[in-house]
Amino acid sequence: EKQKASTEAFIQTVKKTIQYMKGTYDMSDK
């Protein structure tokens, strides 16, 4: 379950990073 949650966290980080690079999301350093 932790592995599943970790994978999902990476997916969300990649999505947010893509949005950040497109200028549609203000991603914090944390």
PDB file of all heavy atoms in Angstrom:
ATOM      1  N   GLU A   1       0.832  -1.205   0.000  1.00  0.00           N
ATOM      2  CA  GLU A   1       0.000   0.000   0.000  1.00  0.00           C
ATOM      3  C   GLU A   1       0.866   1.254   0.000  1.00  0.00           C
ATOM      4  O   GLU A   1       0.550   2.239  -0.668  1.00  0.00           O
ATOM      5  CB  GLU A   1      -0.938  -0.010   1.213  1.00  0.00           C
ATOM      6  CG  GLU A   1      -2.066  -1.032   1.090  1.00  0.00           C
ATOM      7  CD  GLU A   1      -2.919  -1.131   2.338  1.00  0.00           C
ATOM      8  OE1 GLU A   1      -2.434  -0.711   3.420  1.00  0.00           O
ATOM      9  OE2 GLU A   1      -4.059  -1.617   2.246  1.00  0.00           O
ATOM     10  N   LYS A   2       1.986   1.208   0.741  1.00  0.00           N
ATOM     11  CA  LYS A   2       2.902   2.349   0.752  1.00  0.00           C
ATOM     12  C   LYS A   2       3.576   2.517  -0.604  1.00  0.00           C
ATOM     13  O   LYS A   2       3.806   3.628  -1.063  1.00  0.00           O
ATOM     14  CB  LYS A   2       3.948   2.165   1.851  1.00  0.00           C
ATOM     15  CG  LYS A   2       3.398   2.360   3.265  1.00  0.00           C
ATOM     16  CD  LYS A   2       4.497   2.222   4.298  1.00  0.00           C
ATOM     17  CE  LYS A   2       3.948   2.500   5.702  1.00  0.00           C
ATOM     18  NZ  LYS A   2       4.993   2.355   6.744  1.00  0.00           N
ATOM     19  N   GLN A   3       3.895   1.374  -1.239  1.00  0.00           N
ATOM     20  CA  GLN A   3       4.491   1.422  -2.574  1.00  0.00           C
ATOM     21  C   GLN A   3       3.522   2.047  -3.574  1.00  0.00           C
ATOM     22  O   GLN A   3       3.915   2.867  -4.411  1.00  0.00           O
ATOM     23  CB  GLN A   3       4.865   0.013  -3.015  1.00  0.00           C
ATOM     24  CG  GLN A   3       5.559  -0.050  -4.375  1.00  0.00           C
ATOM     25  CD  GLN A   3       5.953  -1.467  -4.743  1.00  0.00           C
ATOM     26  OE1 GLN A   3       5.905  -2.371  -3.928  1.00  0.00           O
ATOM     27  NE2 GLN A   3       6.335  -1.658  -5.988  1.00  0.00           N
ATOM     28  N   LYS A   4       2.257   1.668  -3.456  1.00  0.00           N
ATOM     29  CA  LYS A   4       1.215   2.221  -4.328  1.00  0.00           C
ATOM     30  C   LYS A   4       1.087   3.727  -4.113  1.00  0.00           C
ATOM     31  O   LYS A   4       1.000   4.509  -5.068  1.00  0.00           O
ATOM     32  CB  LYS A   4      -0.113   1.523  -4.050  1.00  0.00           C
ATOM     33  CG  LYS A   4      -1.278   2.042  -4.884  1.00  0.00           C
ATOM     34  CD  LYS A   4      -2.565   1.324  -4.502  1.00  0.00           C
ATOM     35  CE  LYS A   4      -3.752   1.883  -5.285  1.00  0.00           C
ATOM     36  NZ  LYS A   4      -5.022   1.207  -4.887  1.00  0.00           N
ATOM     37  N   ALA A   5       1.094   4.138  -2.828  1.00  0.00           N
ATOM     38  CA  ALA A   5       0.974   5.564  -2.503  1.00  0.00           C
ATOM     39  C   ALA A   5       2.181   6.338  -3.011  1.00  0.00           C
ATOM     40  O   ALA A   5       2.056   7.472  -3.492  1.00  0.00           O
ATOM     41  CB  ALA A   5       0.820   5.737  -0.995  1.00  0.00           C
ATOM     42  N   SER A   6       3.366   5.704  -2.897  1.00  0.00           N
ATOM     43  CA  SER A   6       4.583   6.353  -3.364  1.00  0.00           C
ATOM     44  C   SER A   6       4.551   6.562  -4.870  1.00  0.00           C
ATOM     45  O   SER A   6       4.922   7.633  -5.373  1.00  0.00           O
ATOM     46  CB  SER A   6       5.806   5.512  -2.978  1.00  0.00           C
ATOM     47  OG  SER A   6       6.990   6.067  -3.493  1.00  0.00           O
ATOM     48  N   THR A   7       4.090   5.561  -5.606  1.00  0.00           N
ATOM     49  CA  THR A   7       3.982   5.676  -7.064  1.00  0.00           C
ATOM     50  C   THR A   7       3.005   6.771  -7.446  1.00  0.00           C
ATOM     51  O   THR A   7       3.263   7.577  -8.357  1.00  0.00           O
ATOM     52  CB  THR A   7       3.533   4.337  -7.675  1.00  0.00           C
ATOM     53  OG1 THR A   7       4.477   3.323  -7.334  1.00  0.00           O
ATOM     54  CG2 THR A   7       3.421   4.436  -9.189  1.00  0.00           C
ATOM     55  N   GLU A   8       1.882   6.827  -6.739  1.00  0.00           N
ATOM     56  CA  GLU A   8       0.887   7.862  -7.004  1.00  0.00           C
ATOM     57  C   GLU A   8       1.455   9.248  -6.714  1.00  0.00           C
ATOM     58  O   GLU A   8       1.186  10.210  -7.454  1.00  0.00           O
ATOM     59  CB  GLU A   8      -0.365   7.610  -6.152  1.00  0.00           C
ATOM     60  CG  GLU A   8      -1.478   8.632  -6.351  1.00  0.00           C
ATOM     61  CD  GLU A   8      -1.973   8.713  -7.783  1.00  0.00           C
ATOM     62  OE1 GLU A   8      -1.964   7.676  -8.480  1.00  0.00           O
ATOM     63  OE2 GLU A   8      -2.366   9.817  -8.200  1.00  0.00           O
ATOM     64  N   ALA A   9       2.272   9.347  -5.656  1.00  0.00           N
ATOM     65  CA  ALA A   9       2.895  10.634  -5.318  1.00  0.00           C
ATOM     66  C   ALA A   9       3.830  11.088  -6.435  1.00  0.00           C
ATOM     67  O   ALA A   9       3.874  12.275  -6.776  1.00  0.00           O
ATOM     68  CB  ALA A   9       3.658  10.522  -4.001  1.00  0.00           C
ATOM     69  N   PHE A  10       4.571  10.146  -7.028  1.00  0.00           N
ATOM     70  CA  PHE A  10       5.458  10.491  -8.138  1.00  0.00           C
ATOM     71  C   PHE A  10       4.654  10.945  -9.359  1.00  0.00           C
ATOM     72  O   PHE A  10       5.042  11.888 -10.054  1.00  0.00           O
ATOM     73  CB  PHE A  10       6.332   9.292  -8.514  1.00  0.00           C
ATOM     74  CG  PHE A  10       7.670   9.285  -7.840  1.00  0.00           C
ATOM     75  CD1 PHE A  10       7.927   8.450  -6.770  1.00  0.00           C
ATOM     76  CD2 PHE A  10       8.672  10.140  -8.261  1.00  0.00           C
ATOM     77  CE1 PHE A  10       9.150   8.453  -6.133  1.00  0.00           C
ATOM     78  CE2 PHE A  10       9.913  10.156  -7.628  1.00  0.00           C
ATOM     79  CZ  PHE A  10      10.155   9.305  -6.562  1.00  0.00           C
ATOM     80  N   ILE A  11       3.546  10.268  -9.613  1.00  0.00           N
ATOM     81  CA  ILE A  11       2.690  10.656 -10.741  1.00  0.00           C
ATOM     82  C   ILE A  11       2.200  12.083 -10.567  1.00  0.00           C
ATOM     83  O   ILE A  11       2.247  12.897 -11.504  1.00  0.00           O
ATOM     84  CB  ILE A  11       1.491   9.686 -10.871  1.00  0.00           C
ATOM     85  CG1 ILE A  11       1.976   8.299 -11.313  1.00  0.00           C
ATOM     86  CG2 ILE A  11       0.461  10.223 -11.863  1.00  0.00           C
ATOM     87  CD1 ILE A  11       0.905   7.230 -11.276  1.00  0.00           C
ATOM     88  N   GLN A  12       1.760  12.406  -9.342  1.00  0.00           N
ATOM     89  CA  GLN A  12       1.259  13.755  -9.077  1.00  0.00           C
ATOM     90  C   GLN A  12       2.376  14.792  -9.186  1.00  0.00           C
ATOM     91  O   GLN A  12       2.161  15.904  -9.675  1.00  0.00           O
ATOM     92  CB  GLN A  12       0.614  13.806  -7.688  1.00  0.00           C
ATOM     93  CG  GLN A  12      -0.661  12.991  -7.559  1.00  0.00           C
ATOM     94  CD  GLN A  12      -1.705  13.388  -8.592  1.00  0.00           C
ATOM     95  OE1 GLN A  12      -1.941  14.570  -8.842  1.00  0.00           O
ATOM     96  NE2 GLN A  12      -2.331  12.384  -9.202  1.00  0.00           N
ATOM     97  N   THR A  13       3.589  14.423  -8.733  1.00  0.00           N
ATOM     98  CA  THR A  13       4.716  15.350  -8.826  1.00  0.00           C
ATOM     99  C   THR A  13       5.059  15.639 -10.281  1.00  0.00           C
ATOM    100  O   THR A  13       5.322  16.787 -10.657  1.00  0.00           O
ATOM    101  CB  THR A  13       5.956  14.773  -8.106  1.00  0.00           C
ATOM    102  OG1 THR A  13       5.649  14.606  -6.719  1.00  0.00           O
ATOM    103  CG2 THR A  13       7.145  15.709  -8.234  1.00  0.00           C
ATOM    104  N   VAL A  14       5.064  14.593 -11.110  1.00  0.00           N
ATOM    105  CA  VAL A  14       5.342  14.782 -12.541  1.00  0.00           C
ATOM    106  C   VAL A  14       4.276  15.666 -13.181  1.00  0.00           C
ATOM    107  O   VAL A  14       4.585  16.588 -13.954  1.00  0.00           O
ATOM    108  CB  VAL A  14       5.424  13.427 -13.262  1.00  0.00           C
ATOM    109  CG1 VAL A  14       5.508  13.625 -14.782  1.00  0.00           C
ATOM    110  CG2 VAL A  14       6.632  12.641 -12.778  1.00  0.00           C
ATOM    111  N   LYS A  15       3.009  15.419 -12.857  1.00  0.00           N
ATOM    112  CA  LYS A  15       1.914  16.228 -13.411  1.00  0.00           C
ATOM    113  C   LYS A  15       2.051  17.692 -13.010  1.00  0.00           C
ATOM    114  O   LYS A  15       1.913  18.602 -13.845  1.00  0.00           O
ATOM    115  CB  LYS A  15       0.566  15.682 -12.936  1.00  0.00           C
ATOM    116  CG  LYS A  15       0.139  14.384 -13.598  1.00  0.00           C
ATOM    117  CD  LYS A  15      -1.228  13.944 -13.092  1.00  0.00           C
ATOM    118  CE  LYS A  15      -1.698  12.670 -13.788  1.00  0.00           C
ATOM    119  NZ  LYS A  15      -3.025  12.235 -13.275  1.00  0.00           N
ATOM    120  N   LYS A  16       2.358  17.920 -11.718  1.00  0.00           N
ATOM    121  CA  LYS A  16       2.499  19.295 -11.232  1.00  0.00           C
ATOM    122  C   LYS A  16       3.701  19.979 -11.861  1.00  0.00           C
ATOM    123  O   LYS A  16       3.659  21.178 -12.158  1.00  0.00           O
ATOM    124  CB  LYS A  16       2.623  19.295  -9.711  1.00  0.00           C
ATOM    125  CG  LYS A  16       1.338  18.941  -8.984  1.00  0.00           C
ATOM    126  CD  LYS A  16       1.553  18.910  -7.474  1.00  0.00           C
ATOM    127  CE  LYS A  16       0.271  18.533  -6.741  1.00  0.00           C
ATOM    128  NZ  LYS A  16       0.480  18.460  -5.270  1.00  0.00           N
ATOM    129  N   THR A  17       4.786  19.209 -12.065  1.00  0.00           N
ATOM    130  CA  THR A  17       5.984  19.775 -12.681  1.00  0.00           C
ATOM    131  C   THR A  17       5.705  20.188 -14.125  1.00  0.00           C
ATOM    132  O   THR A  17       6.162  21.241 -14.584  1.00  0.00           O
ATOM    133  CB  THR A  17       7.149  18.772 -12.636  1.00  0.00           C
ATOM    134  OG1 THR A  17       7.391  18.390 -11.275  1.00  0.00           O
ATOM    135  CG2 THR A  17       8.422  19.380 -13.198  1.00  0.00           C
ATOM    136  N   ILE A  18       4.964  19.359 -14.837  1.00  0.00           N
ATOM    137  CA  ILE A  18       4.579  19.699 -16.211  1.00  0.00           C
ATOM    138  C   ILE A  18       3.753  20.981 -16.229  1.00  0.00           C
ATOM    139  O   ILE A  18       3.988  21.887 -17.043  1.00  0.00           O
ATOM    140  CB  ILE A  18       3.793  18.540 -16.860  1.00  0.00           C
ATOM    141  CG1 ILE A  18       4.715  17.340 -17.087  1.00  0.00           C
ATOM    142  CG2 ILE A  18       3.164  18.976 -18.188  1.00  0.00           C
ATOM    143  CD1 ILE A  18       3.987  16.082 -17.532  1.00  0.00           C
ATOM    144  N   GLN A  19       2.799  21.080 -15.297  1.00  0.00           N
ATOM    145  CA  GLN A  19       1.965  22.285 -15.208  1.00  0.00           C
ATOM    146  C   GLN A  19       2.813  23.507 -14.838  1.00  0.00           C
ATOM    147  O   GLN A  19       2.608  24.604 -15.365  1.00  0.00           O
ATOM    148  CB  GLN A  19       0.856  22.077 -14.171  1.00  0.00           C
ATOM    149  CG  GLN A  19      -0.178  21.040 -14.568  1.00  0.00           C
ATOM    150  CD  GLN A  19      -1.159  20.717 -13.447  1.00  0.00           C
ATOM    151  OE1 GLN A  19      -0.926  21.073 -12.300  1.00  0.00           O
ATOM    152  NE2 GLN A  19      -2.242  20.046 -13.789  1.00  0.00           N
ATOM    153  N   TYR A  20       3.776  23.287 -13.940  1.00  0.00           N
ATOM    154  CA  TYR A  20       4.680  24.368 -13.520  1.00  0.00           C
ATOM    155  C   TYR A  20       5.512  24.864 -14.708  1.00  0.00           C
ATOM    156  O   TYR A  20       5.686  26.070 -14.914  1.00  0.00           O
ATOM    157  CB  TYR A  20       5.589  23.850 -12.407  1.00  0.00           C
ATOM    158  CG  TYR A  20       6.709  24.779 -12.008  1.00  0.00           C
ATOM    159  CD1 TYR A  20       6.459  25.922 -11.250  1.00  0.00           C
ATOM    160  CD2 TYR A  20       8.025  24.503 -12.388  1.00  0.00           C
ATOM    161  CE1 TYR A  20       7.489  26.773 -10.882  1.00  0.00           C
ATOM    162  CE2 TYR A  20       9.066  25.350 -12.033  1.00  0.00           C
ATOM    163  CZ  TYR A  20       8.794  26.483 -11.276  1.00  0.00           C
ATOM    164  OH  TYR A  20       9.818  27.320 -10.923  1.00  0.00           O
ATOM    165  N   MET A  21       6.008  23.920 -15.507  1.00  0.00           N
ATOM    166  CA  MET A  21       6.821  24.286 -16.670  1.00  0.00           C
ATOM    167  C   MET A  21       5.986  24.998 -17.740  1.00  0.00           C
ATOM    168  O   MET A  21       6.511  25.813 -18.513  1.00  0.00           O
ATOM    169  CB  MET A  21       7.490  23.033 -17.246  1.00  0.00           C
ATOM    170  CG  MET A  21       8.517  22.397 -16.297  1.00  0.00           C
ATOM    171  SD  MET A  21       9.167  20.824 -16.886  1.00  0.00           S
ATOM    172  CE  MET A  21      10.226  21.394 -18.219  1.00  0.00           C
ATOM    173  N   LYS A  22       4.700  24.706 -17.772  1.00  0.00           N
ATOM    174  CA  LYS A  22       3.799  25.368 -18.720  1.00  0.00           C
ATOM    175  C   LYS A  22       3.300  26.705 -18.191  1.00  0.00           C
ATOM    176  O   LYS A  22       2.650  27.467 -18.925  1.00  0.00           O
ATOM    177  CB  LYS A  22       2.594  24.466 -19.023  1.00  0.00           C
ATOM    178  CG  LYS A  22       2.918  23.250 -19.876  1.00  0.00           C
ATOM    179  CD  LYS A  22       1.668  22.418 -20.128  1.00  0.00           C
ATOM    180  CE  LYS A  22       1.959  21.238 -21.062  1.00  0.00           C
ATOM    181  NZ  LYS A  22       0.729  20.423 -21.296  1.00  0.00           N
ATOM    182  N   GLY A  23       3.603  26.958 -16.896  1.00  0.00           N
ATOM    183  CA  GLY A  23       3.181  28.217 -16.299  1.00  0.00           C
ATOM    184  C   GLY A  23       1.758  28.232 -15.792  1.00  0.00           C
ATOM    185  O   GLY A  23       1.189  29.295 -15.524  1.00  0.00           O
ATOM    186  N   THR A  24       1.159  27.033 -15.627  1.00  0.00           N
ATOM    187  CA  THR A  24      -0.232  26.960 -15.171  1.00  0.00           C
ATOM    188  C   THR A  24      -0.353  26.529 -13.708  1.00  0.00           C
ATOM    189  O   THR A  24      -1.454  26.368 -13.198  1.00  0.00           O
ATOM    190  CB  THR A  24      -1.027  25.973 -16.043  1.00  0.00           C
ATOM    191  OG1 THR A  24      -0.407  24.672 -15.971  1.00  0.00           O
ATOM    192  CG2 THR A  24      -1.063  26.433 -17.494  1.00  0.00           C
ATOM    193  N   TYR A  25       0.793  26.323 -13.037  1.00  0.00           N
ATOM    194  CA  TYR A  25       0.757  25.901 -11.638  1.00  0.00           C
ATOM    195  C   TYR A  25       1.970  26.460 -10.907  1.00  0.00           C
ATOM    196  O   TYR A  25       3.098  26.407 -11.429  1.00  0.00           O
ATOM    197  CB  TYR A  25       0.741  24.372 -11.535  1.00  0.00           C
ATOM    198  CG  TYR A  25       0.698  23.833 -10.120  1.00  0.00           C
ATOM    199  CD1 TYR A  25      -0.477  23.852  -9.389  1.00  0.00           C
ATOM    200  CD2 TYR A  25       1.848  23.319  -9.517  1.00  0.00           C
ATOM    201  CE1 TYR A  25      -0.526  23.371  -8.093  1.00  0.00           C
ATOM    202  CE2 TYR A  25       1.815  22.830  -8.214  1.00  0.00           C
ATOM    203  CZ  TYR A  25       0.618  22.858  -7.512  1.00  0.00           C
ATOM    204  OH  TYR A  25       0.577  22.389  -6.224  1.00  0.00           O
ATOM    205  N   ASP A  26       1.746  27.009  -9.729  1.00  0.00           N
ATOM    206  CA  ASP A  26       2.833  27.574  -8.919  1.00  0.00           C
ATOM    207  C   ASP A  26       3.322  26.500  -7.960  1.00  0.00           C
ATOM    208  O   ASP A  26       2.751  26.301  -6.890  1.00  0.00           O
ATOM    209  CB  ASP A  26       2.325  28.801  -8.155  1.00  0.00           C
ATOM    210  CG  ASP A  26       3.460  29.499  -7.404  1.00  0.00           C
ATOM    211  OD1 ASP A  26       4.633  29.221  -7.717  1.00  0.00           O
ATOM    212  OD2 ASP A  26       3.154  30.310  -6.502  1.00  0.00           O
ATOM    213  N   MET A  27       4.376  25.796  -8.347  1.00  0.00           N
ATOM    214  CA  MET A  27       4.882  24.651  -7.570  1.00  0.00           C
ATOM    215  C   MET A  27       5.914  25.112  -6.551  1.00  0.00           C
ATOM    216  O   MET A  27       6.893  25.786  -6.898  1.00  0.00           O
ATOM    217  CB  MET A  27       5.502  23.618  -8.521  1.00  0.00           C
ATOM    218  CG  MET A  27       5.855  22.300  -7.878  1.00  0.00           C
ATOM    219  SD  MET A  27       6.512  21.142  -9.109  1.00  0.00           S
ATOM    220  CE  MET A  27       6.412  19.599  -8.194  1.00  0.00           C
ATOM    221  N   SER A  28       5.714  24.726  -5.292  1.00  0.00           N
ATOM    222  CA  SER A  28       6.658  25.099  -4.247  1.00  0.00           C
ATOM    223  C   SER A  28       7.899  24.214  -4.315  1.00  0.00           C
ATOM    224  O   SER A  28       7.875  23.111  -4.869  1.00  0.00           O
ATOM    225  CB  SER A  28       6.006  24.967  -2.873  1.00  0.00           C
ATOM    226  OG  SER A  28       5.780  23.602  -2.554  1.00  0.00           O
ATOM    227  N   ASP A  29       8.996  24.711  -3.732  1.00  0.00           N
ATOM    228  CA  ASP A  29      10.222  23.914  -3.699  1.00  0.00           C
ATOM    229  C   ASP A  29      10.011  22.616  -2.926  1.00  0.00           C
ATOM    230  O   ASP A  29      10.560  21.564  -3.272  1.00  0.00           O
ATOM    231  CB  ASP A  29      11.353  24.725  -3.053  1.00  0.00           C
ATOM    232  CG  ASP A  29      11.813  25.874  -3.944  1.00  0.00           C
ATOM    233  OD1 ASP A  29      11.580  25.802  -5.161  1.00  0.00           O
ATOM    234  OD2 ASP A  29      12.384  26.834  -3.407  1.00  0.00           O
ATOM    235  N   LYS A  30       9.213  22.670  -1.865  1.00  0.00           N
ATOM    236  CA  LYS A  30       8.942  21.480  -1.055  1.00  0.00           C
ATOM    237  C   LYS A  30       8.265  20.402  -1.879  1.00  0.00           C
ATOM    238  O   LYS A  30       8.595  19.219  -1.775  1.00  0.00           O
ATOM    239  CB  LYS A  30       8.082  21.844   0.153  1.00  0.00           C
ATOM    240  CG  LYS A  30       7.819  20.669   1.089  1.00  0.00           C
ATOM    241  CD  LYS A  30       7.003  21.097   2.294  1.00  0.00           C
ATOM    242  CE  LYS A  30       6.754  19.911   3.234  1.00  0.00           C
ATOM    243  NZ  LYS A  30       5.963  20.304   4.415  1.00  0.00           N
TER     244      LYS A  30
END
